[in-house]
């Protein structure tokens, strides 16, 4: 599960009872194709207007509040009501290929 705070992925233990949760840093450039090679089931967080493209079967999705906006994004949110910086869509995906 993606995280940008230490142990933030622990909340998934409540949402996915019985799952063996492993967190990975939410990093720029980390792609769903990379995750699909590593994990049988994984989550990706994308801007609210985007969807993952063909990396497996989407099991579920939800809208989540995004944290850690840049100062530019905060200014855009205040002065132009740019809510796209406030939310992300999170997808739970079952990989469609072999993994490590």
PDB file of N, CA and C in Angstrom:
ATOM      1  N   UNK A   1       0.830  -1.175   0.000  1.00  0.00           N
ATOM      2  CA  UNK A   1       0.000   0.000   0.000  1.00  0.00           C
ATOM      3  C   UNK A   1       0.878   1.243   0.000  1.00  0.00           C
ATOM      4  N   UNK A   2       0.501   2.249  -0.738  1.00  0.00           N
ATOM      5  CA  UNK A   2       1.323   3.463  -0.793  1.00  0.00           C
ATOM      6  C   UNK A   2       1.203   4.279   0.495  1.00  0.00           C
ATOM      7  N   UNK A   3       2.294   4.932   0.871  1.00  0.00           N
ATOM      8  CA  UNK A   3       2.241   5.818   2.024  1.00  0.00           C
ATOM      9  C   UNK A   3       3.242   6.949   1.841  1.00  0.00           C
ATOM     10  N   UNK A   4       2.952   8.087   2.494  1.00  0.00           N
ATOM     11  CA  UNK A   4       3.893   9.203   2.492  1.00  0.00           C
ATOM     12  C   UNK A   4       4.210   9.661   3.907  1.00  0.00           C
ATOM     13  N   UNK A   5       3.703   8.972   4.912  1.00  0.00           N
ATOM     14  CA  UNK A   5       4.076   9.128   6.308  1.00  0.00           C
ATOM     15  C   UNK A   5       4.447   7.742   6.809  1.00  0.00           C
ATOM     16  N   UNK A   6       5.412   7.655   7.712  1.00  0.00           N
ATOM     17  CA  UNK A   6       5.775   6.344   8.241  1.00  0.00           C
ATOM     18  C   UNK A   6       4.550   5.663   8.841  1.00  0.00           C
ATOM     19  N   UNK A   7       4.336   4.419   8.484  1.00  0.00           N
ATOM     20  CA  UNK A   7       3.267   3.551   8.982  1.00  0.00           C
ATOM     21  C   UNK A   7       1.859   4.028   8.621  1.00  0.00           C
ATOM     22  N   UNK A   8       1.706   4.973   7.704  1.00  0.00           N
ATOM     23  CA  UNK A   8       0.370   5.391   7.293  1.00  0.00           C
ATOM     24  C   UNK A   8      -0.400   4.230   6.657  1.00  0.00           C
ATOM     25  N   UNK A   9       0.324   3.312   6.036  1.00  0.00           N
ATOM     26  CA  UNK A   9      -0.322   2.179   5.400  1.00  0.00           C
ATOM     27  C   UNK A   9      -1.013   1.259   6.408  1.00  0.00           C
ATOM     28  N   UNK A  10      -0.727   1.413   7.706  1.00  0.00           N
ATOM     29  CA  UNK A  10      -1.361   0.574   8.725  1.00  0.00           C
ATOM     30  C   UNK A  10      -2.884   0.706   8.715  1.00  0.00           C
ATOM     31  N   UNK A  11      -3.421   1.831   8.263  1.00  0.00           N
ATOM     32  CA  UNK A  11      -4.877   1.993   8.243  1.00  0.00           C
ATOM     33  C   UNK A  11      -5.535   0.972   7.317  1.00  0.00           C
ATOM     34  N   UNK A  12      -4.785   0.435   6.357  1.00  0.00           N
ATOM     35  CA  UNK A  12      -5.338  -0.564   5.455  1.00  0.00           C
ATOM     36  C   UNK A  12      -5.648  -1.868   6.184  1.00  0.00           C
ATOM     37  N   UNK A  13      -5.004  -2.126   7.317  1.00  0.00           N
ATOM     38  CA  UNK A  13      -5.313  -3.321   8.102  1.00  0.00           C
ATOM     39  C   UNK A  13      -6.771  -3.310   8.563  1.00  0.00           C
ATOM     40  N   UNK A  14      -7.317  -2.115   8.787  1.00  0.00           N
ATOM     41  CA  UNK A  14      -8.716  -1.999   9.183  1.00  0.00           C
ATOM     42  C   UNK A  14      -9.651  -2.127   7.981  1.00  0.00           C
ATOM     43  N   UNK A  15      -9.203  -1.662   6.834  1.00  0.00           N
ATOM     44  CA  UNK A  15     -10.048  -1.685   5.643  1.00  0.00           C
ATOM     45  C   UNK A  15     -10.012  -3.034   4.930  1.00  0.00           C
ATOM     46  N   UNK A  16      -8.921  -3.785   5.100  1.00  0.00           N
ATOM     47  CA  UNK A  16      -8.758  -5.082   4.429  1.00  0.00           C
ATOM     48  C   UNK A  16      -8.407  -6.146   5.469  1.00  0.00           C
ATOM     49  N   UNK A  17      -9.349  -6.502   6.342  1.00  0.00           N
ATOM     50  CA  UNK A  17      -9.053  -7.466   7.412  1.00  0.00           C
ATOM     51  C   UNK A  17      -8.493  -8.772   6.855  1.00  0.00           C
ATOM     52  N   UNK A  18      -7.457  -9.267   7.511  1.00  0.00           N
ATOM     53  CA  UNK A  18      -6.846 -10.525   7.104  1.00  0.00           C
ATOM     54  C   UNK A  18      -5.789 -10.401   6.026  1.00  0.00           C
ATOM     55  N   UNK A  19      -5.662  -9.243   5.421  1.00  0.00           N
ATOM     56  CA  UNK A  19      -4.655  -9.051   4.363  1.00  0.00           C
ATOM     57  C   UNK A  19      -3.269  -8.878   4.982  1.00  0.00           C
ATOM     58  N   UNK A  20      -2.261  -9.373   4.292  1.00  0.00           N
ATOM     59  CA  UNK A  20      -0.870  -9.147   4.705  1.00  0.00           C
ATOM     60  C   UNK A  20      -0.408  -7.865   4.018  1.00  0.00           C
ATOM     61  N   UNK A  21      -0.327  -6.794   4.782  1.00  0.00           N
ATOM     62  CA  UNK A  21      -0.064  -5.462   4.234  1.00  0.00           C
ATOM     63  C   UNK A  21       1.438  -5.190   4.207  1.00  0.00           C
ATOM     64  N   UNK A  22       1.921  -4.731   3.060  1.00  0.00           N
ATOM     65  CA  UNK A  22       3.296  -4.256   2.923  1.00  0.00           C
ATOM     66  C   UNK A  22       3.227  -2.859   2.323  1.00  0.00           C
ATOM     67  N   UNK A  23       3.864  -1.918   2.979  1.00  0.00           N
ATOM     68  CA  UNK A  23       3.841  -0.549   2.482  1.00  0.00           C
ATOM     69  C   UNK A  23       5.008  -0.263   1.550  1.00  0.00           C
ATOM     70  N   UNK A  24       4.798   0.669   0.633  1.00  0.00           N
ATOM     71  CA  UNK A  24       5.876   1.169  -0.221  1.00  0.00           C
ATOM     72  C   UNK A  24       5.737   2.675  -0.286  1.00  0.00           C
ATOM     73  N   UNK A  25       6.875   3.364  -0.346  1.00  0.00           N
ATOM     74  CA  UNK A  25       6.876   4.827  -0.375  1.00  0.00           C
ATOM     75  C   UNK A  25       6.158   5.322  -1.619  1.00  0.00           C
ATOM     76  N   UNK A  26       5.310   6.311  -1.413  1.00  0.00           N
ATOM     77  CA  UNK A  26       4.612   6.966  -2.523  1.00  0.00           C
ATOM     78  C   UNK A  26       5.617   7.929  -3.154  1.00  0.00           C
ATOM     79  N   UNK A  27       6.177   7.534  -4.296  1.00  0.00           N
ATOM     80  CA  UNK A  27       7.249   8.300  -4.930  1.00  0.00           C
ATOM     81  C   UNK A  27       6.858   8.738  -6.331  1.00  0.00           C
ATOM     82  N   UNK A  28       7.324   9.917  -6.724  1.00  0.00           N
ATOM     83  CA  UNK A  28       7.115  10.304  -8.130  1.00  0.00           C
ATOM     84  C   UNK A  28       7.825   9.303  -9.038  1.00  0.00           C
ATOM     85  N   UNK A  29       7.181   8.923 -10.102  1.00  0.00           N
ATOM     86  CA  UNK A  29       7.798   7.999 -11.049  1.00  0.00           C
ATOM     87  C   UNK A  29       7.515   6.541 -10.775  1.00  0.00           C
ATOM     88  N   UNK A  30       6.969   6.198  -9.596  1.00  0.00           N
ATOM     89  CA  UNK A  30       6.606   4.814  -9.323  1.00  0.00           C
ATOM     90  C   UNK A  30       5.330   4.503 -10.085  1.00  0.00           C
ATOM     91  N   UNK A  31       5.406   3.553 -10.996  1.00  0.00           N
ATOM     92  CA  UNK A  31       4.289   3.286 -11.907  1.00  0.00           C
ATOM     93  C   UNK A  31       3.544   2.009 -11.530  1.00  0.00           C
ATOM     94  N   UNK A  32       2.308   1.949 -11.949  1.00  0.00           N
ATOM     95  CA  UNK A  32       1.487   0.763 -11.703  1.00  0.00           C
ATOM     96  C   UNK A  32       2.106  -0.472 -12.353  1.00  0.00           C
ATOM     97  N   UNK A  33       2.783  -0.310 -13.498  1.00  0.00           N
ATOM     98  CA  UNK A  33       3.412  -1.466 -14.146  1.00  0.00           C
ATOM     99  C   UNK A  33       4.499  -2.066 -13.251  1.00  0.00           C
ATOM    100  N   UNK A  34       5.264  -1.208 -12.553  1.00  0.00           N
ATOM    101  CA  UNK A  34       6.288  -1.699 -11.623  1.00  0.00           C
ATOM    102  C   UNK A  34       5.648  -2.471 -10.472  1.00  0.00           C
ATOM    103  N   UNK A  35       4.565  -1.920  -9.930  1.00  0.00           N
ATOM    104  CA  UNK A  35       3.877  -2.562  -8.809  1.00  0.00           C
ATOM    105  C   UNK A  35       3.236  -3.880  -9.218  1.00  0.00           C
ATOM    106  N   UNK A  36       2.705  -3.946 -10.425  1.00  0.00           N
ATOM    107  CA  UNK A  36       2.070  -5.170 -10.916  1.00  0.00           C
ATOM    108  C   UNK A  36       3.087  -6.306 -11.036  1.00  0.00           C
ATOM    109  N   UNK A  37       4.339  -5.979 -11.295  1.00  0.00           N
ATOM    110  CA  UNK A  37       5.391  -7.005 -11.361  1.00  0.00           C
ATOM    111  C   UNK A  37       5.779  -7.500  -9.974  1.00  0.00           C
ATOM    112  N   UNK A  38       5.624  -6.644  -8.945  1.00  0.00           N
ATOM    113  CA  UNK A  38       6.069  -6.988  -7.591  1.00  0.00           C
ATOM    114  C   UNK A  38       5.010  -7.639  -6.714  1.00  0.00           C
ATOM    115  N   UNK A  39       3.745  -7.245  -6.883  1.00  0.00           N
ATOM    116  CA  UNK A  39       2.705  -7.647  -5.943  1.00  0.00           C
ATOM    117  C   UNK A  39       1.499  -8.241  -6.654  1.00  0.00           C
ATOM    118  N   UNK A  40       0.866  -9.256  -6.043  1.00  0.00           N
ATOM    119  CA  UNK A  40      -0.344  -9.822  -6.647  1.00  0.00           C
ATOM    120  C   UNK A  40      -1.539  -8.864  -6.556  1.00  0.00           C
ATOM    121  N   UNK A  41      -1.593  -8.081  -5.484  1.00  0.00           N
ATOM    122  CA  UNK A  41      -2.627  -7.065  -5.288  1.00  0.00           C
ATOM    123  C   UNK A  41      -1.921  -5.815  -4.781  1.00  0.00           C
ATOM    124  N   UNK A  42      -2.261  -4.666  -5.337  1.00  0.00           N
ATOM    125  CA  UNK A  42      -1.598  -3.430  -4.927  1.00  0.00           C
ATOM    126  C   UNK A  42      -2.561  -2.263  -5.061  1.00  0.00           C
ATOM    127  N   UNK A  43      -2.197  -1.150  -4.438  1.00  0.00           N
ATOM    128  CA  UNK A  43      -3.008   0.067  -4.511  1.00  0.00           C
ATOM    129  C   UNK A  43      -2.195   1.175  -5.155  1.00  0.00           C
ATOM    130  N   UNK A  44      -2.870   1.997  -5.933  1.00  0.00           N
ATOM    131  CA  UNK A  44      -2.239   3.188  -6.505  1.00  0.00           C
ATOM    132  C   UNK A  44      -3.122   4.386  -6.204  1.00  0.00           C
ATOM    133  N   UNK A  45      -2.480   5.517  -5.990  1.00  0.00           N
ATOM    134  CA  UNK A  45      -3.176   6.780  -5.752  1.00  0.00           C
ATOM    135  C   UNK A  45      -2.889   7.686  -6.940  1.00  0.00           C
ATOM    136  N   UNK A  46      -3.953   8.144  -7.592  1.00  0.00           N
ATOM    137  CA  UNK A  46      -3.819   8.980  -8.785  1.00  0.00           C
ATOM    138  C   UNK A  46      -4.655  10.237  -8.620  1.00  0.00           C
ATOM    139  N   UNK A  47      -4.319  11.289  -9.369  1.00  0.00           N
ATOM    140  CA  UNK A  47      -5.195  12.463  -9.362  1.00  0.00           C
ATOM    141  C   UNK A  47      -6.632  12.029  -9.658  1.00  0.00           C
ATOM    142  N   UNK A  48      -7.584  12.741  -9.073  1.00  0.00           N
ATOM    143  CA  UNK A  48      -8.993  12.342  -9.148  1.00  0.00           C
ATOM    144  C   UNK A  48      -9.494  12.168 -10.574  1.00  0.00           C
ATOM    145  N   UNK A  49      -8.892  12.838 -11.534  1.00  0.00           N
ATOM    146  CA  UNK A  49      -9.357  12.762 -12.921  1.00  0.00           C
ATOM    147  C   UNK A  49      -8.718  11.619 -13.713  1.00  0.00           C
ATOM    148  N   UNK A  50      -7.758  10.882 -13.116  1.00  0.00           N
ATOM    149  CA  UNK A  50      -7.045   9.825 -13.842  1.00  0.00           C
ATOM    150  C   UNK A  50      -7.497   8.433 -13.416  1.00  0.00           C
ATOM    151  N   UNK A  51      -7.254   7.464 -14.291  1.00  0.00           N
ATOM    152  CA  UNK A  51      -7.497   6.057 -13.980  1.00  0.00           C
ATOM    153  C   UNK A  51      -6.271   5.254 -14.392  1.00  0.00           C
ATOM    154  N   UNK A  52      -6.011   4.127 -13.710  1.00  0.00           N
ATOM    155  CA  UNK A  52      -4.877   3.295 -14.120  1.00  0.00           C
ATOM    156  C   UNK A  52      -5.196   2.623 -15.440  1.00  0.00           C
ATOM    157  N   UNK A  53      -4.210   2.409 -16.257  1.00  0.00           N
ATOM    158  CA  UNK A  53      -4.460   1.851 -17.583  1.00  0.00           C
ATOM    159  C   UNK A  53      -3.966   0.439 -17.739  1.00  0.00           C
ATOM    160  N   UNK A  54      -4.846  -0.536 -17.669  1.00  0.00           N
ATOM    161  CA  UNK A  54      -4.540  -1.910 -18.048  1.00  0.00           C
ATOM    162  C   UNK A  54      -3.477  -2.628 -17.251  1.00  0.00           C
ATOM    163  N   UNK A  55      -3.340  -2.368 -15.971  1.00  0.00           N
ATOM    164  CA  UNK A  55      -2.318  -3.034 -15.160  1.00  0.00           C
ATOM    165  C   UNK A  55      -2.880  -4.207 -14.385  1.00  0.00           C
ATOM    166  N   UNK A  56      -4.109  -4.556 -14.650  1.00  0.00           N
ATOM    167  CA  UNK A  56      -4.774  -5.655 -13.955  1.00  0.00           C
ATOM    168  C   UNK A  56      -6.241  -5.318 -13.769  1.00  0.00           C
ATOM    169  N   UNK A  57      -6.900  -6.101 -12.923  1.00  0.00           N
ATOM    170  CA  UNK A  57      -8.334  -5.917 -12.679  1.00  0.00           C
ATOM    171  C   UNK A  57      -8.545  -4.998 -11.483  1.00  0.00           C
ATOM    172  N   UNK A  58      -9.331  -3.934 -11.663  1.00  0.00           N
ATOM    173  CA  UNK A  58      -9.641  -3.027 -10.565  1.00  0.00           C
ATOM    174  C   UNK A  58     -10.646  -3.719  -9.656  1.00  0.00           C
ATOM    175  N   UNK A  59     -10.238  -3.948  -8.410  1.00  0.00           N
ATOM    176  CA  UNK A  59     -11.088  -4.616  -7.426  1.00  0.00           C
ATOM    177  C   UNK A  59     -11.990  -3.599  -6.732  1.00  0.00           C
ATOM    178  N   UNK A  60     -11.449  -2.422  -6.487  1.00  0.00           N
ATOM    179  CA  UNK A  60     -12.210  -1.380  -5.813  1.00  0.00           C
ATOM    180  C   UNK A  60     -11.537  -0.036  -5.990  1.00  0.00           C
ATOM    181  N   UNK A  61     -12.279   1.010  -5.656  1.00  0.00           N
ATOM    182  CA  UNK A  61     -11.720   2.358  -5.725  1.00  0.00           C
ATOM    183  C   UNK A  61     -12.434   3.240  -4.718  1.00  0.00           C
ATOM    184  N   UNK A  62     -11.771   4.316  -4.321  1.00  0.00           N
ATOM    185  CA  UNK A  62     -12.370   5.275  -3.405  1.00  0.00           C
ATOM    186  C   UNK A  62     -11.719   6.629  -3.599  1.00  0.00           C
ATOM    187  N   UNK A  63     -12.416   7.639  -3.159  1.00  0.00           N
ATOM    188  CA  UNK A  63     -11.892   8.995  -3.163  1.00  0.00           C
ATOM    189  C   UNK A  63     -11.259   9.223  -1.798  1.00  0.00           C
ATOM    190  N   UNK A  64     -10.077   9.795  -1.759  1.00  0.00           N
ATOM    191  CA  UNK A  64      -9.367  10.027  -0.499  1.00  0.00           C
ATOM    192  C   UNK A  64      -8.849  11.458  -0.470  1.00  0.00           C
ATOM    193  N   UNK A  65      -8.630  11.950   0.716  1.00  0.00           N
ATOM    194  CA  UNK A  65      -8.066  13.287   0.877  1.00  0.00           C
ATOM    195  C   UNK A  65      -6.560  13.200   0.716  1.00  0.00           C
ATOM    196  N   UNK A  66      -6.029  14.023  -0.132  1.00  0.00           N
ATOM    197  CA  UNK A  66      -4.585  14.042  -0.397  1.00  0.00           C
ATOM    198  C   UNK A  66      -3.885  14.857   0.674  1.00  0.00           C
ATOM    199  N   UNK A  67      -2.708  14.445   1.054  1.00  0.00           N
ATOM    200  CA  UNK A  67      -1.924  15.201   2.031  1.00  0.00           C
ATOM    201  C   UNK A  67      -0.628  15.677   1.381  1.00  0.00           C
ATOM    202  N   UNK A  68       0.014  16.612   2.017  1.00  0.00           N
ATOM    203  CA  UNK A  68       1.316  17.141   1.592  1.00  0.00           C
ATOM    204  C   UNK A  68       1.295  17.825   0.230  1.00  0.00           C
ATOM    205  N   UNK A  69       0.469  18.820   0.100  1.00  0.00           N
ATOM    206  CA  UNK A  69       0.472  19.632  -1.118  1.00  0.00           C
ATOM    207  C   UNK A  69       1.668  20.580  -1.099  1.00  0.00           C
ATOM    208  N   UNK A  70       2.115  20.977  -2.285  1.00  0.00           N
ATOM    209  CA  UNK A  70       3.189  21.962  -2.399  1.00  0.00           C
ATOM    210  C   UNK A  70       2.615  23.342  -2.125  1.00  0.00           C
ATOM    211  N   UNK A  71       3.480  24.317  -1.900  1.00  0.00           N
ATOM    212  CA  UNK A  71       2.997  25.685  -1.657  1.00  0.00           C
ATOM    213  C   UNK A  71       2.256  26.216  -2.886  1.00  0.00           C
ATOM    214  N   UNK A  72       2.694  25.865  -4.073  1.00  0.00           N
ATOM    215  CA  UNK A  72       1.999  26.284  -5.291  1.00  0.00           C
ATOM    216  C   UNK A  72       0.593  25.706  -5.331  1.00  0.00           C
ATOM    217  N   UNK A  73       0.466  24.424  -4.996  1.00  0.00           N
ATOM    218  CA  UNK A  73      -0.850  23.792  -5.011  1.00  0.00           C
ATOM    219  C   UNK A  73      -1.787  24.402  -3.965  1.00  0.00           C
ATOM    220  N   UNK A  74      -1.261  24.722  -2.812  1.00  0.00           N
ATOM    221  CA  UNK A  74      -2.080  25.355  -1.766  1.00  0.00           C
ATOM    222  C   UNK A  74      -2.565  26.718  -2.230  1.00  0.00           C
ATOM    223  N   UNK A  75      -1.699  27.492  -2.852  1.00  0.00           N
ATOM    224  CA  UNK A  75      -2.115  28.804  -3.370  1.00  0.00           C
ATOM    225  C   UNK A  75      -3.205  28.652  -4.428  1.00  0.00           C
ATOM    226  N   UNK A  76      -3.053  27.673  -5.311  1.00  0.00           N
ATOM    227  CA  UNK A  76      -4.082  27.437  -6.325  1.00  0.00           C
ATOM    228  C   UNK A  76      -5.405  27.040  -5.685  1.00  0.00           C
ATOM    229  N   UNK A  77      -5.353  26.238  -4.629  1.00  0.00           N
ATOM    230  CA  UNK A  77      -6.570  25.826  -3.943  1.00  0.00           C
ATOM    231  C   UNK A  77      -7.271  27.027  -3.305  1.00  0.00           C
ATOM    232  N   UNK A  78      -6.511  27.938  -2.741  1.00  0.00           N
ATOM    233  CA  UNK A  78      -7.087  29.100  -2.067  1.00  0.00           C
ATOM    234  C   UNK A  78      -7.627  30.117  -3.058  1.00  0.00           C
ATOM    235  N   UNK A  79      -6.836  30.429  -4.079  1.00  0.00           N
ATOM    236  CA  UNK A  79      -7.189  31.540  -4.960  1.00  0.00           C
ATOM    237  C   UNK A  79      -8.019  31.151  -6.190  1.00  0.00           C
ATOM    238  N   UNK A  80      -7.999  29.888  -6.571  1.00  0.00           N
ATOM    239  CA  UNK A  80      -8.785  29.530  -7.751  1.00  0.00           C
ATOM    240  C   UNK A  80      -9.702  28.338  -7.514  1.00  0.00           C
ATOM    241  N   UNK A  81      -9.849  27.953  -6.242  1.00  0.00           N
ATOM    242  CA  UNK A  81     -10.743  26.848  -5.895  1.00  0.00           C
ATOM    243  C   UNK A  81     -10.374  25.576  -6.653  1.00  0.00           C
ATOM    244  N   UNK A  82      -9.083  25.298  -6.767  1.00  0.00           N
ATOM    245  CA  UNK A  82      -8.585  24.139  -7.507  1.00  0.00           C
ATOM    246  C   UNK A  82      -8.644  22.895  -6.617  1.00  0.00           C
ATOM    247  N   UNK A  83      -9.796  22.280  -6.557  1.00  0.00           N
ATOM    248  CA  UNK A  83      -9.981  21.132  -5.668  1.00  0.00           C
ATOM    249  C   UNK A  83      -9.274  19.868  -6.139  1.00  0.00           C
ATOM    250  N   UNK A  84      -8.769  19.860  -7.364  1.00  0.00           N
ATOM    251  CA  UNK A  84      -8.063  18.659  -7.829  1.00  0.00           C
ATOM    252  C   UNK A  84      -6.811  18.385  -6.993  1.00  0.00           C
ATOM    253  N   UNK A  85      -6.299  19.391  -6.283  1.00  0.00           N
ATOM    254  CA  UNK A  85      -5.136  19.182  -5.418  1.00  0.00           C
ATOM    255  C   UNK A  85      -5.532  18.629  -4.050  1.00  0.00           C
ATOM    256  N   UNK A  86      -6.805  18.623  -3.735  1.00  0.00           N
ATOM    257  CA  UNK A  86      -7.260  18.193  -2.415  1.00  0.00           C
ATOM    258  C   UNK A  86      -7.603  16.705  -2.356  1.00  0.00           C
ATOM    259  N   UNK A  87      -7.920  16.098  -3.499  1.00  0.00           N
ATOM    260  CA  UNK A  87      -8.377  14.714  -3.498  1.00  0.00           C
ATOM    261  C   UNK A  87      -7.580  13.850  -4.471  1.00  0.00           C
ATOM    262  N   UNK A  88      -7.512  12.561  -4.163  1.00  0.00           N
ATOM    263  CA  UNK A  88      -6.946  11.558  -5.068  1.00  0.00           C
ATOM    264  C   UNK A  88      -7.930  10.401  -5.151  1.00  0.00           C
ATOM    265  N   UNK A  89      -7.830   9.652  -6.212  1.00  0.00           N
ATOM    266  CA  UNK A  89      -8.579   8.402  -6.315  1.00  0.00           C
ATOM    267  C   UNK A  89      -7.607   7.272  -6.051  1.00  0.00           C
ATOM    268  N   UNK A  90      -8.011   6.378  -5.209  1.00  0.00           N
ATOM    269  CA  UNK A  90      -7.173   5.242  -4.864  1.00  0.00           C
ATOM    270  C   UNK A  90      -7.812   3.987  -5.447  1.00  0.00           C
ATOM    271  N   UNK A  91      -7.009   3.204  -6.158  1.00  0.00           N
ATOM    272  CA  UNK A  91      -7.487   1.994  -6.809  1.00  0.00           C
ATOM    273  C   UNK A  91      -6.798   0.785  -6.194  1.00  0.00           C
ATOM    274  N   UNK A  92      -7.563  -0.238  -5.882  1.00  0.00           N
ATOM    275  CA  UNK A  92      -7.028  -1.522  -5.453  1.00  0.00           C
ATOM    276  C   UNK A  92      -7.071  -2.422  -6.677  1.00  0.00           C
ATOM    277  N   UNK A  93      -5.906  -2.931  -7.068  1.00  0.00           N
ATOM    278  CA  UNK A  93      -5.773  -3.634  -8.343  1.00  0.00           C
ATOM    279  C   UNK A  93      -5.193  -5.028  -8.117  1.00  0.00           C
ATOM    280  N   UNK A  94      -5.789  -6.012  -8.785  1.00  0.00           N
ATOM    281  CA  UNK A  94      -5.249  -7.362  -8.813  1.00  0.00           C
ATOM    282  C   UNK A  94      -4.408  -7.471 -10.078  1.00  0.00           C
ATOM    283  N   UNK A  95      -3.111  -7.767  -9.896  1.00  0.00           N
ATOM    284  CA  UNK A  95      -2.210  -7.841 -11.039  1.00  0.00           C
ATOM    285  C   UNK A  95      -2.606  -8.990 -11.956  1.00  0.00           C
ATOM    286  N   UNK A  96      -2.416  -8.778 -13.248  1.00  0.00           N
ATOM    287  CA  UNK A  96      -2.790  -9.794 -14.217  1.00  0.00           C
ATOM    288  C   UNK A  96      -1.621 -10.581 -14.747  1.00  0.00           C
ATOM    289  N   UNK A  97      -0.485 -10.612 -14.027  1.00  0.00           N
ATOM    290  CA  UNK A  97       0.705 -11.303 -14.527  1.00  0.00           C
ATOM    291  C   UNK A  97       1.499 -11.875 -13.363  1.00  0.00           C
ATOM    292  N   UNK A  98       2.582 -12.589 -13.662  1.00  0.00           N
ATOM    293  CA  UNK A  98       3.439 -13.150 -12.624  1.00  0.00           C
ATOM    294  C   UNK A  98       4.191 -12.050 -11.886  1.00  0.00           C
ATOM    295  N   UNK A  99       4.544 -12.304 -10.637  1.00  0.00           N
ATOM    296  CA  UNK A  99       5.274 -11.332  -9.818  1.00  0.00           C
ATOM    297  C   UNK A  99       6.373 -12.048  -9.070  1.00  0.00           C
ATOM    298  N   UNK A 100       7.252 -11.205  -8.469  1.00  0.00           N
ATOM    299  CA  UNK A 100       8.421 -11.732  -7.714  1.00  0.00           C
ATOM    300  C   UNK A 100       8.001 -12.297  -6.386  1.00  0.00           C
TER     301      UNK A 100
END
